[in-house]
N, C-alpha and C. Protein backbone atom coordinates (compact mmCIF):
# COMPACT_ATOMS: atom_id res chain seq x y z
N MET A 1 48.31 -231.29 0.71
CA MET A 1 47.85 -231.85 -0.57
C MET A 1 49.05 -231.99 -1.50
N PRO A 2 49.29 -233.18 -2.06
CA PRO A 2 50.43 -233.40 -2.94
C PRO A 2 50.39 -232.48 -4.16
N ASN A 3 51.56 -231.93 -4.50
CA ASN A 3 51.74 -231.12 -5.71
C ASN A 3 50.98 -229.80 -5.71
N GLN A 4 50.48 -229.34 -4.54
CA GLN A 4 49.80 -228.05 -4.54
C GLN A 4 50.77 -226.90 -4.76
N PHE A 5 52.07 -227.17 -4.54
CA PHE A 5 53.08 -226.14 -4.78
C PHE A 5 54.02 -226.53 -5.91
N ALA A 6 53.55 -227.36 -6.82
CA ALA A 6 54.39 -227.81 -7.93
C ALA A 6 54.90 -226.61 -8.73
N ASP A 7 56.16 -226.69 -9.16
CA ASP A 7 56.80 -225.64 -9.97
C ASP A 7 56.91 -224.32 -9.21
N THR A 8 56.92 -224.38 -7.89
CA THR A 8 57.04 -223.18 -7.06
C THR A 8 58.37 -223.22 -6.30
N HIS A 9 59.10 -222.11 -6.36
CA HIS A 9 60.37 -222.01 -5.62
C HIS A 9 60.15 -221.05 -4.45
N ILE A 10 60.32 -221.56 -3.24
CA ILE A 10 60.03 -220.79 -2.02
C ILE A 10 61.30 -220.58 -1.21
N LEU A 11 61.50 -219.34 -0.76
CA LEU A 11 62.60 -219.02 0.15
C LEU A 11 62.04 -219.01 1.57
N LEU A 12 62.64 -219.80 2.44
CA LEU A 12 62.21 -219.89 3.84
C LEU A 12 63.32 -219.31 4.71
N LEU A 13 63.03 -218.20 5.37
CA LEU A 13 64.01 -217.52 6.21
C LEU A 13 63.57 -217.57 7.67
N ASP A 14 64.30 -218.35 8.48
CA ASP A 14 63.97 -218.51 9.90
C ASP A 14 65.24 -218.91 10.64
N ASP A 15 65.43 -218.36 11.84
CA ASP A 15 66.66 -218.65 12.58
C ASP A 15 66.54 -219.85 13.52
N HIS A 16 65.35 -220.46 13.59
CA HIS A 16 65.14 -221.59 14.50
C HIS A 16 65.28 -222.89 13.71
N PRO A 17 66.31 -223.71 13.99
CA PRO A 17 66.58 -224.92 13.20
C PRO A 17 65.40 -225.89 13.10
N LEU A 18 64.69 -226.11 14.21
CA LEU A 18 63.58 -227.06 14.19
C LEU A 18 62.43 -226.56 13.32
N ILE A 19 62.12 -225.27 13.43
CA ILE A 19 61.06 -224.70 12.60
C ILE A 19 61.48 -224.73 11.14
N LEU A 20 62.74 -224.38 10.88
CA LEU A 20 63.25 -224.37 9.51
C LEU A 20 63.11 -225.75 8.88
N SER A 21 63.52 -226.78 9.62
CA SER A 21 63.47 -228.14 9.10
C SER A 21 62.03 -228.62 8.93
N GLY A 22 61.19 -228.36 9.94
CA GLY A 22 59.81 -228.84 9.90
C GLY A 22 58.99 -228.19 8.79
N VAL A 23 59.10 -226.87 8.66
CA VAL A 23 58.33 -226.16 7.64
C VAL A 23 58.84 -226.51 6.25
N LYS A 24 60.16 -226.64 6.12
CA LYS A 24 60.74 -227.02 4.82
C LYS A 24 60.17 -228.37 4.37
N GLY A 25 60.16 -229.35 5.29
CA GLY A 25 59.64 -230.66 4.94
C GLY A 25 58.17 -230.62 4.58
N LEU A 26 57.41 -229.81 5.32
CA LEU A 26 55.97 -229.69 5.07
C LEU A 26 55.70 -229.14 3.67
N ILE A 27 56.40 -228.07 3.32
CA ILE A 27 56.17 -227.43 2.02
C ILE A 27 56.67 -228.31 0.88
N GLU A 28 57.77 -229.01 1.11
CA GLU A 28 58.29 -229.90 0.07
C GLU A 28 57.32 -231.04 -0.22
N GLN A 29 56.55 -231.45 0.78
CA GLN A 29 55.54 -232.48 0.55
C GLN A 29 54.50 -232.02 -0.46
N GLY A 30 54.33 -230.70 -0.55
CA GLY A 30 53.39 -230.14 -1.52
C GLY A 30 53.99 -229.93 -2.89
N GLY A 31 55.24 -230.35 -3.07
CA GLY A 31 55.86 -230.28 -4.38
C GLY A 31 56.73 -229.07 -4.63
N ALA A 32 56.91 -228.21 -3.63
CA ALA A 32 57.71 -227.00 -3.82
C ALA A 32 59.20 -227.30 -3.74
N ARG A 33 59.96 -226.47 -4.40
CA ARG A 33 61.40 -226.44 -4.21
C ARG A 33 61.66 -225.39 -3.14
N VAL A 34 62.34 -225.76 -2.06
CA VAL A 34 62.52 -224.86 -0.92
C VAL A 34 64.00 -224.57 -0.70
N THR A 35 64.33 -223.28 -0.65
CA THR A 35 65.67 -222.83 -0.30
C THR A 35 65.59 -222.18 1.07
N THR A 36 66.51 -222.52 1.96
CA THR A 36 66.45 -222.01 3.33
C THR A 36 67.61 -221.06 3.64
N ALA A 37 67.36 -220.19 4.62
CA ALA A 37 68.39 -219.28 5.13
C ALA A 37 68.08 -219.01 6.59
N LYS A 38 69.13 -218.87 7.40
CA LYS A 38 68.96 -218.61 8.83
C LYS A 38 69.23 -217.17 9.21
N THR A 39 69.91 -216.43 8.34
CA THR A 39 70.27 -215.05 8.63
C THR A 39 70.00 -214.18 7.40
N LEU A 40 70.01 -212.86 7.61
CA LEU A 40 69.84 -211.95 6.48
C LEU A 40 70.99 -212.10 5.49
N ALA A 41 72.20 -212.32 6.00
CA ALA A 41 73.36 -212.47 5.12
C ALA A 41 73.18 -213.69 4.21
N GLU A 42 72.72 -214.80 4.79
CA GLU A 42 72.47 -216.00 3.99
C GLU A 42 71.38 -215.75 2.96
N ALA A 43 70.34 -215.05 3.37
CA ALA A 43 69.24 -214.75 2.45
C ALA A 43 69.72 -213.91 1.28
N MET A 44 70.58 -212.93 1.54
CA MET A 44 71.11 -212.09 0.48
C MET A 44 71.94 -212.91 -0.50
N GLU A 45 72.68 -213.89 0.00
CA GLU A 45 73.46 -214.77 -0.87
C GLU A 45 72.53 -215.58 -1.78
N LYS A 46 71.44 -216.10 -1.21
CA LYS A 46 70.49 -216.88 -2.01
C LYS A 46 69.83 -216.00 -3.07
N LEU A 47 69.52 -214.75 -2.70
CA LEU A 47 68.87 -213.84 -3.64
C LEU A 47 69.80 -213.43 -4.77
N ALA A 48 71.09 -213.50 -4.53
CA ALA A 48 72.06 -213.19 -5.58
C ALA A 48 72.06 -214.29 -6.64
N GLU A 49 71.59 -215.48 -6.24
CA GLU A 49 71.61 -216.64 -7.14
C GLU A 49 70.25 -216.96 -7.74
N HIS A 50 69.17 -216.62 -7.03
CA HIS A 50 67.84 -217.04 -7.45
C HIS A 50 66.81 -215.93 -7.29
N SER A 51 65.70 -216.09 -8.01
CA SER A 51 64.48 -215.33 -7.75
C SER A 51 63.44 -216.34 -7.28
N PHE A 52 62.52 -215.89 -6.44
CA PHE A 52 61.58 -216.82 -5.82
C PHE A 52 60.13 -216.45 -6.14
N ASP A 53 59.27 -217.45 -6.06
CA ASP A 53 57.84 -217.21 -6.25
C ASP A 53 57.22 -216.69 -4.96
N LEU A 54 57.79 -217.11 -3.83
CA LEU A 54 57.23 -216.73 -2.53
C LEU A 54 58.34 -216.81 -1.48
N THR A 55 58.29 -215.89 -0.53
CA THR A 55 59.23 -215.91 0.60
C THR A 55 58.44 -215.97 1.90
N LEU A 56 58.78 -216.93 2.74
CA LEU A 56 58.20 -217.05 4.08
C LEU A 56 59.23 -216.45 5.02
N LEU A 57 58.92 -215.27 5.56
CA LEU A 57 59.91 -214.43 6.22
C LEU A 57 59.64 -214.28 7.71
N ASP A 58 60.53 -214.83 8.53
CA ASP A 58 60.44 -214.66 9.97
C ASP A 58 60.75 -213.21 10.33
N ILE A 59 59.94 -212.59 11.17
CA ILE A 59 60.16 -211.19 11.54
C ILE A 59 61.34 -211.06 12.50
N ASN A 60 61.41 -211.95 13.48
CA ASN A 60 62.46 -211.87 14.50
C ASN A 60 63.53 -212.92 14.21
N LEU A 61 64.72 -212.45 13.82
CA LEU A 61 65.82 -213.36 13.47
C LEU A 61 66.97 -213.24 14.47
N GLY A 62 66.66 -213.16 15.73
CA GLY A 62 67.71 -213.01 16.73
C GLY A 62 68.30 -211.62 16.67
N THR A 63 69.55 -211.52 16.24
CA THR A 63 70.19 -210.20 16.13
C THR A 63 69.76 -209.46 14.88
N ASP A 64 69.16 -210.17 13.92
CA ASP A 64 68.66 -209.54 12.70
C ASP A 64 67.16 -209.30 12.80
N HIS A 65 66.66 -208.45 11.92
CA HIS A 65 65.22 -208.21 11.83
C HIS A 65 64.78 -208.54 10.42
N GLY A 66 63.80 -209.44 10.29
CA GLY A 66 63.38 -209.89 8.97
C GLY A 66 62.93 -208.77 8.05
N LEU A 67 62.29 -207.74 8.61
CA LEU A 67 61.80 -206.65 7.77
C LEU A 67 62.93 -205.87 7.12
N ASP A 68 64.15 -206.00 7.68
CA ASP A 68 65.30 -205.32 7.06
C ASP A 68 65.55 -205.83 5.64
N LEU A 69 65.17 -207.08 5.39
CA LEU A 69 65.35 -207.63 4.05
C LEU A 69 64.48 -206.89 3.04
N LEU A 70 63.28 -206.50 3.47
CA LEU A 70 62.39 -205.75 2.58
C LEU A 70 62.93 -204.34 2.36
N GLU A 71 63.57 -203.77 3.37
CA GLU A 71 64.10 -202.42 3.25
C GLU A 71 65.31 -202.36 2.33
N LYS A 72 65.93 -203.50 2.06
CA LYS A 72 67.09 -203.54 1.18
C LYS A 72 66.71 -203.51 -0.30
N GLY A 73 65.41 -203.43 -0.58
CA GLY A 73 64.96 -203.34 -1.96
C GLY A 73 64.98 -204.65 -2.71
N CYS A 74 64.85 -205.76 -1.97
CA CYS A 74 64.92 -207.09 -2.60
C CYS A 74 63.56 -207.63 -3.01
N THR A 75 62.50 -206.86 -2.80
CA THR A 75 61.14 -207.37 -2.97
C THR A 75 60.89 -208.05 -4.32
N PRO A 76 61.36 -207.49 -5.45
CA PRO A 76 61.08 -208.16 -6.73
C PRO A 76 61.60 -209.59 -6.79
N LYS A 77 62.75 -209.88 -6.20
CA LYS A 77 63.30 -211.23 -6.25
C LYS A 77 62.71 -212.14 -5.18
N LEU A 78 62.05 -211.55 -4.19
CA LEU A 78 61.44 -212.35 -3.12
C LEU A 78 60.11 -212.96 -3.55
N GLY A 79 59.50 -212.43 -4.60
CA GLY A 79 58.16 -212.86 -4.98
C GLY A 79 57.16 -212.35 -3.96
N ARG A 80 56.10 -213.08 -3.75
CA ARG A 80 55.15 -212.71 -2.70
C ARG A 80 55.80 -212.98 -1.35
N VAL A 81 55.56 -212.08 -0.40
CA VAL A 81 56.19 -212.21 0.92
C VAL A 81 55.13 -212.46 1.98
N MET A 82 55.25 -213.60 2.65
CA MET A 82 54.39 -213.92 3.78
C MET A 82 55.21 -213.76 5.05
N LEU A 83 54.84 -212.80 5.89
CA LEU A 83 55.48 -212.65 7.19
C LEU A 83 55.11 -213.85 8.04
N PHE A 84 56.08 -214.38 8.77
CA PHE A 84 55.89 -215.64 9.49
C PHE A 84 56.52 -215.48 10.87
N SER A 85 55.69 -215.39 11.90
CA SER A 85 56.26 -215.09 13.21
C SER A 85 55.34 -215.49 14.34
N GLY A 86 55.95 -215.73 15.50
CA GLY A 86 55.18 -215.93 16.72
C GLY A 86 54.82 -214.59 17.34
N ILE A 87 55.42 -213.52 16.81
CA ILE A 87 55.12 -212.17 17.27
C ILE A 87 54.04 -211.60 16.36
N SER A 88 52.85 -211.38 16.90
CA SER A 88 51.75 -210.91 16.07
C SER A 88 51.37 -209.47 16.40
N GLU A 89 52.38 -208.61 16.57
CA GLU A 89 52.12 -207.21 16.87
C GLU A 89 51.64 -206.49 15.60
N GLN A 90 50.52 -205.81 15.74
CA GLN A 90 49.91 -205.17 14.58
C GLN A 90 50.85 -204.15 13.94
N GLU A 91 51.61 -203.43 14.76
CA GLU A 91 52.50 -202.40 14.21
C GLU A 91 53.55 -203.02 13.28
N LEU A 92 54.10 -204.18 13.67
CA LEU A 92 55.10 -204.83 12.84
C LEU A 92 54.48 -205.35 11.55
N ILE A 93 53.27 -205.89 11.65
CA ILE A 93 52.60 -206.39 10.45
C ILE A 93 52.33 -205.23 9.48
N CYS A 94 51.84 -204.13 10.01
CA CYS A 94 51.57 -202.96 9.18
C CYS A 94 52.85 -202.44 8.53
N ARG A 95 53.93 -202.45 9.29
CA ARG A 95 55.21 -202.00 8.73
C ARG A 95 55.64 -202.93 7.60
N GLY A 96 55.44 -204.23 7.81
CA GLY A 96 55.78 -205.19 6.76
C GLY A 96 54.96 -204.95 5.50
N TYR A 97 53.66 -204.68 5.67
CA TYR A 97 52.81 -204.38 4.52
C TYR A 97 53.31 -203.15 3.78
N ALA A 98 53.68 -202.12 4.54
CA ALA A 98 54.15 -200.89 3.93
C ALA A 98 55.42 -201.11 3.13
N LEU A 99 56.19 -202.11 3.52
CA LEU A 99 57.45 -202.40 2.84
C LEU A 99 57.29 -203.41 1.70
N GLY A 100 56.05 -203.88 1.49
CA GLY A 100 55.81 -204.75 0.34
C GLY A 100 55.39 -206.17 0.65
N ALA A 101 55.26 -206.53 1.93
CA ALA A 101 54.78 -207.88 2.26
C ALA A 101 53.32 -208.03 1.83
N THR A 102 52.94 -209.26 1.53
CA THR A 102 51.59 -209.52 1.04
C THR A 102 50.67 -210.09 2.11
N GLY A 103 51.23 -210.74 3.12
CA GLY A 103 50.38 -211.34 4.15
C GLY A 103 51.16 -211.69 5.40
N PHE A 104 50.43 -212.17 6.39
CA PHE A 104 51.03 -212.58 7.66
C PHE A 104 50.40 -213.88 8.11
N VAL A 105 51.24 -214.80 8.60
CA VAL A 105 50.73 -216.03 9.18
C VAL A 105 51.45 -216.28 10.50
N SER A 106 50.70 -216.65 11.51
CA SER A 106 51.27 -216.90 12.83
C SER A 106 51.97 -218.26 12.86
N LYS A 107 53.05 -218.35 13.63
CA LYS A 107 53.73 -219.63 13.80
C LYS A 107 52.89 -220.61 14.61
N ASN A 108 51.82 -220.13 15.21
CA ASN A 108 50.91 -221.01 15.95
C ASN A 108 49.89 -221.67 15.04
N THR A 109 49.93 -221.34 13.76
CA THR A 109 48.99 -221.90 12.81
C THR A 109 49.25 -223.39 12.61
N GLU A 110 48.18 -224.16 12.47
CA GLU A 110 48.32 -225.60 12.22
C GLU A 110 48.97 -225.82 10.85
N PRO A 111 49.74 -226.92 10.69
CA PRO A 111 50.45 -227.18 9.43
C PRO A 111 49.56 -227.12 8.19
N GLU A 112 48.38 -227.75 8.26
CA GLU A 112 47.51 -227.74 7.08
C GLU A 112 47.01 -226.33 6.77
N ASP A 113 46.83 -225.52 7.82
CA ASP A 113 46.39 -224.14 7.61
C ASP A 113 47.52 -223.29 7.03
N LEU A 114 48.76 -223.58 7.43
CA LEU A 114 49.90 -222.88 6.85
C LEU A 114 49.97 -223.14 5.35
N CYS A 115 49.79 -224.39 4.96
CA CYS A 115 49.81 -224.72 3.53
C CYS A 115 48.68 -224.01 2.79
N GLN A 116 47.51 -223.96 3.41
CA GLN A 116 46.39 -223.27 2.79
C GLN A 116 46.68 -221.78 2.65
N ALA A 117 47.32 -221.21 3.67
CA ALA A 117 47.67 -219.79 3.63
C ALA A 117 48.61 -219.50 2.47
N LEU A 118 49.63 -220.34 2.31
CA LEU A 118 50.59 -220.14 1.23
C LEU A 118 49.93 -220.31 -0.13
N ALA A 119 49.06 -221.30 -0.24
CA ALA A 119 48.37 -221.54 -1.51
C ALA A 119 47.49 -220.35 -1.88
N GLN A 120 46.78 -219.80 -0.90
CA GLN A 120 45.92 -218.64 -1.17
C GLN A 120 46.75 -217.42 -1.53
N LEU A 121 47.89 -217.28 -0.88
CA LEU A 121 48.76 -216.15 -1.19
C LEU A 121 49.26 -216.23 -2.62
N LEU A 122 49.67 -217.41 -3.04
CA LEU A 122 50.16 -217.60 -4.40
C LEU A 122 49.07 -217.36 -5.44
N ALA A 123 47.81 -217.56 -5.03
CA ALA A 123 46.69 -217.42 -5.96
C ALA A 123 46.17 -215.99 -6.07
N LEU A 124 46.67 -215.07 -5.24
CA LEU A 124 46.19 -213.69 -5.30
C LEU A 124 46.54 -213.05 -6.63
N PRO A 125 45.72 -212.11 -7.11
CA PRO A 125 46.02 -211.41 -8.36
C PRO A 125 47.35 -210.67 -8.28
N ALA A 126 48.02 -210.56 -9.40
CA ALA A 126 49.30 -209.85 -9.44
C ALA A 126 49.13 -208.42 -8.96
N GLY A 127 50.07 -207.96 -8.14
CA GLY A 127 50.04 -206.58 -7.66
C GLY A 127 49.25 -206.37 -6.40
N GLN A 128 48.53 -207.38 -5.93
CA GLN A 128 47.72 -207.23 -4.72
C GLN A 128 48.60 -207.43 -3.50
N THR A 129 48.61 -206.46 -2.58
CA THR A 129 49.48 -206.53 -1.41
C THR A 129 48.73 -206.16 -0.15
N GLY A 130 49.26 -206.61 0.98
CA GLY A 130 48.75 -206.21 2.27
C GLY A 130 47.29 -206.50 2.50
N THR A 131 46.80 -207.66 2.04
CA THR A 131 45.38 -207.93 2.14
C THR A 131 45.05 -209.24 2.84
N TRP A 132 46.05 -209.99 3.23
CA TRP A 132 45.74 -211.34 3.70
C TRP A 132 46.46 -211.65 5.00
N VAL A 133 45.69 -212.02 6.01
CA VAL A 133 46.26 -212.32 7.32
C VAL A 133 45.67 -213.62 7.84
N TRP A 134 46.53 -214.57 8.19
CA TRP A 134 46.06 -215.82 8.78
C TRP A 134 46.40 -215.78 10.26
N CYS A 135 45.62 -215.03 10.99
CA CYS A 135 45.86 -214.87 12.43
C CYS A 135 44.59 -214.28 13.02
N PRO A 136 43.82 -215.05 13.79
CA PRO A 136 42.50 -214.60 14.25
C PRO A 136 42.49 -213.23 14.90
N GLU A 137 43.53 -212.91 15.71
CA GLU A 137 43.49 -211.64 16.41
C GLU A 137 43.75 -210.45 15.50
N HIS A 138 44.08 -210.71 14.22
CA HIS A 138 44.35 -209.60 13.31
C HIS A 138 43.48 -209.65 12.06
N LYS A 139 42.27 -210.18 12.18
CA LYS A 139 41.38 -210.23 11.03
C LYS A 139 41.08 -208.83 10.49
N ALA A 140 41.15 -207.83 11.37
CA ALA A 140 40.86 -206.47 10.93
C ALA A 140 41.86 -205.98 9.89
N LEU A 141 43.01 -206.62 9.81
CA LEU A 141 44.02 -206.20 8.84
C LEU A 141 43.81 -206.80 7.46
N ARG A 142 42.86 -207.73 7.34
CA ARG A 142 42.68 -208.43 6.07
C ARG A 142 42.49 -207.47 4.90
N ASP A 143 41.75 -206.39 5.14
CA ASP A 143 41.40 -205.50 4.05
C ASP A 143 42.20 -204.20 4.08
N SER A 144 43.40 -204.24 4.66
CA SER A 144 44.16 -203.00 4.79
C SER A 144 44.51 -202.39 3.45
N ASN A 145 44.55 -203.20 2.39
CA ASN A 145 44.91 -202.66 1.08
C ASN A 145 43.87 -201.68 0.55
N GLU A 146 42.64 -201.73 1.07
CA GLU A 146 41.61 -200.83 0.58
C GLU A 146 41.95 -199.38 0.90
N HIS A 147 42.85 -199.18 1.86
CA HIS A 147 43.23 -197.82 2.22
C HIS A 147 44.29 -197.27 1.28
N PHE A 148 44.73 -198.07 0.32
CA PHE A 148 45.77 -197.63 -0.60
C PHE A 148 45.31 -197.84 -2.05
N PRO A 149 44.30 -197.10 -2.53
CA PRO A 149 43.89 -197.24 -3.92
C PRO A 149 45.08 -197.03 -4.84
N LYS A 150 45.08 -197.73 -5.98
CA LYS A 150 46.24 -197.68 -6.87
C LYS A 150 46.56 -196.26 -7.33
N ASP A 151 45.53 -195.40 -7.45
CA ASP A 151 45.79 -194.08 -8.00
C ASP A 151 46.38 -193.11 -6.98
N THR A 152 46.53 -193.54 -5.72
CA THR A 152 47.12 -192.63 -4.73
C THR A 152 48.64 -192.64 -4.82
N LEU A 153 49.25 -193.72 -5.27
CA LEU A 153 50.69 -193.80 -5.49
C LEU A 153 51.49 -193.42 -4.25
N LEU A 154 51.08 -193.87 -3.09
CA LEU A 154 51.85 -193.62 -1.89
C LEU A 154 53.16 -194.40 -1.95
N THR A 155 54.23 -193.79 -1.48
CA THR A 155 55.50 -194.49 -1.40
C THR A 155 55.43 -195.47 -0.23
N PRO A 156 56.35 -196.46 -0.17
CA PRO A 156 56.34 -197.38 0.97
C PRO A 156 56.42 -196.67 2.31
N LYS A 157 57.24 -195.64 2.42
CA LYS A 157 57.36 -194.93 3.70
C LYS A 157 56.08 -194.16 4.02
N GLU A 158 55.44 -193.57 3.00
CA GLU A 158 54.18 -192.87 3.22
C GLU A 158 53.10 -193.84 3.68
N ARG A 159 53.08 -195.04 3.12
CA ARG A 159 52.12 -196.05 3.56
C ARG A 159 52.35 -196.41 5.02
N GLU A 160 53.63 -196.52 5.38
CA GLU A 160 53.98 -196.87 6.75
C GLU A 160 53.48 -195.79 7.71
N VAL A 161 53.70 -194.53 7.35
CA VAL A 161 53.24 -193.41 8.17
C VAL A 161 51.72 -193.41 8.25
N PHE A 162 51.07 -193.65 7.11
CA PHE A 162 49.61 -193.62 7.06
C PHE A 162 49.00 -194.68 7.98
N LEU A 163 49.58 -195.89 7.98
CA LEU A 163 49.06 -196.95 8.84
C LEU A 163 49.18 -196.58 10.32
N LEU A 164 50.26 -195.93 10.69
CA LEU A 164 50.43 -195.52 12.08
C LEU A 164 49.48 -194.37 12.42
N MET A 165 49.20 -193.51 11.46
CA MET A 165 48.19 -192.47 11.66
C MET A 165 46.84 -193.10 11.96
N ARG A 166 46.53 -194.18 11.23
CA ARG A 166 45.25 -194.86 11.43
C ARG A 166 45.16 -195.50 12.81
N GLU A 167 46.33 -195.76 13.41
CA GLU A 167 46.34 -196.31 14.77
C GLU A 167 46.13 -195.22 15.81
N GLY A 168 46.02 -193.96 15.35
CA GLY A 168 45.78 -192.86 16.27
C GLY A 168 47.03 -192.23 16.83
N MET A 169 48.19 -192.56 16.27
CA MET A 169 49.44 -192.01 16.77
C MET A 169 49.59 -190.54 16.38
N ALA A 170 50.17 -189.76 17.29
CA ALA A 170 50.51 -188.37 17.01
C ALA A 170 51.81 -188.33 16.22
N ASP A 171 52.11 -187.15 15.65
CA ASP A 171 53.31 -187.02 14.82
C ASP A 171 54.57 -187.47 15.56
N LYS A 172 54.72 -187.04 16.82
CA LYS A 172 55.91 -187.38 17.59
C LYS A 172 56.00 -188.89 17.83
N GLN A 173 54.87 -189.53 18.09
CA GLN A 173 54.86 -190.98 18.31
C GLN A 173 55.27 -191.72 17.03
N ILE A 174 54.78 -191.24 15.89
CA ILE A 174 55.15 -191.86 14.62
C ILE A 174 56.65 -191.69 14.37
N ALA A 175 57.15 -190.50 14.65
CA ALA A 175 58.58 -190.23 14.47
C ALA A 175 59.42 -191.18 15.32
N ASP A 176 59.00 -191.38 16.57
CA ASP A 176 59.74 -192.27 17.46
C ASP A 176 59.66 -193.72 16.98
N ALA A 177 58.47 -194.13 16.53
CA ALA A 177 58.27 -195.52 16.10
C ALA A 177 59.11 -195.85 14.86
N LEU A 178 59.23 -194.88 13.95
CA LEU A 178 59.95 -195.11 12.70
C LEU A 178 61.39 -194.61 12.75
N GLN A 179 61.76 -194.04 13.90
CA GLN A 179 63.12 -193.52 14.09
C GLN A 179 63.47 -192.48 13.02
N LEU A 180 62.53 -191.56 12.82
CA LEU A 180 62.72 -190.46 11.89
C LEU A 180 62.48 -189.15 12.63
N SER A 181 62.92 -188.04 12.05
CA SER A 181 62.68 -186.75 12.68
C SER A 181 61.21 -186.37 12.51
N ILE A 182 60.71 -185.55 13.42
CA ILE A 182 59.32 -185.12 13.32
C ILE A 182 59.11 -184.29 12.05
N HIS A 183 60.15 -183.57 11.63
CA HIS A 183 60.06 -182.80 10.38
C HIS A 183 59.82 -183.74 9.19
N THR A 184 60.58 -184.85 9.15
CA THR A 184 60.42 -185.81 8.05
C THR A 184 59.02 -186.42 8.06
N ILE A 185 58.52 -186.74 9.25
CA ILE A 185 57.17 -187.30 9.37
C ILE A 185 56.14 -186.32 8.82
N ARG A 186 56.28 -185.06 9.15
CA ARG A 186 55.32 -184.06 8.69
C ARG A 186 55.40 -183.84 7.18
N VAL A 187 56.58 -184.02 6.61
CA VAL A 187 56.71 -183.97 5.15
C VAL A 187 55.92 -185.11 4.52
N HIS A 188 56.04 -186.32 5.12
CA HIS A 188 55.29 -187.47 4.61
C HIS A 188 53.78 -187.24 4.76
N ILE A 189 53.37 -186.68 5.88
CA ILE A 189 51.94 -186.44 6.11
C ILE A 189 51.38 -185.45 5.10
N ARG A 190 52.14 -184.40 4.80
CA ARG A 190 51.70 -183.44 3.79
C ARG A 190 51.56 -184.11 2.42
N ALA A 191 52.49 -185.00 2.11
CA ALA A 191 52.43 -185.72 0.83
C ALA A 191 51.20 -186.63 0.78
N ILE A 192 50.90 -187.28 1.90
CA ILE A 192 49.73 -188.16 1.96
C ILE A 192 48.46 -187.34 1.75
N LYS A 193 48.37 -186.19 2.41
CA LYS A 193 47.19 -185.33 2.26
C LYS A 193 47.04 -184.87 0.82
N ARG A 194 48.16 -184.50 0.21
CA ARG A 194 48.10 -184.02 -1.17
C ARG A 194 47.63 -185.13 -2.12
N LYS A 195 48.18 -186.33 -1.95
CA LYS A 195 47.85 -187.43 -2.85
C LYS A 195 46.44 -187.95 -2.65
N ARG A 196 45.97 -187.92 -1.41
CA ARG A 196 44.65 -188.47 -1.12
C ARG A 196 43.55 -187.42 -1.16
N GLY A 197 43.94 -186.16 -1.35
CA GLY A 197 42.94 -185.12 -1.55
C GLY A 197 42.20 -184.71 -0.30
N HIS A 198 42.81 -184.90 0.88
CA HIS A 198 42.18 -184.51 2.14
C HIS A 198 42.97 -183.37 2.77
N ASN A 199 42.27 -182.53 3.53
CA ASN A 199 42.93 -181.40 4.16
C ASN A 199 42.99 -181.51 5.68
N ARG A 200 42.21 -182.41 6.25
CA ARG A 200 42.19 -182.55 7.70
C ARG A 200 42.70 -183.93 8.09
N ARG A 201 43.42 -183.96 9.20
CA ARG A 201 44.02 -185.23 9.61
C ARG A 201 42.98 -186.32 9.83
N PHE A 202 41.84 -185.99 10.46
CA PHE A 202 40.88 -187.05 10.74
C PHE A 202 40.28 -187.61 9.47
N GLU A 203 40.27 -186.82 8.39
CA GLU A 203 39.74 -187.32 7.13
C GLU A 203 40.68 -188.37 6.52
N GLN A 204 41.96 -188.31 6.87
CA GLN A 204 42.91 -189.31 6.39
C GLN A 204 42.56 -190.69 6.94
N LEU A 205 41.92 -190.71 8.10
CA LEU A 205 41.73 -191.97 8.81
C LEU A 205 40.39 -192.61 8.53
N ALA A 206 39.59 -191.99 7.71
CA ALA A 206 38.26 -192.52 7.41
C ALA A 206 38.36 -193.78 6.56
């Protein structure tokens, strides 16, 4: 739809030239200003110059990992973050949510559906995160934000641990997945229990 992205500045980060060119052209047809980057280093350079309304972030960037950009503390300048990947692994999506991403869209999505996904993401209320997924096999993640009421004040890492707990992972599995010590994981779990007011592990997962 013409001008559906008018006055919107979007950062598109993808290492595949054809996808980068095709998606850029598609979004520009909607009236957006699009800045592109192929690597994390390029993205950091763009972020030093601009702030964006929305970032379409490829998870797998060859030798780089898209989620590393979120770990660098750039989220305020990225605007809303839509994870964009052919890899639809739930663990990666959950990790992205924990780091501040707002949604996920599969690269298999039709062009018109991609535009609709971006439009809906831009229309979400301020502060709403981790609630929107445009990928049929992950509809269960649509409402993941309900597990993080605003008054719980979980840190990004605590949210990441909590999501893996909900997947049924044991402490050691979570430690391995996040490349942290089991002691650190248990510190996070104690903090989650304290903030959420539960004393038993299974109550955390309700």
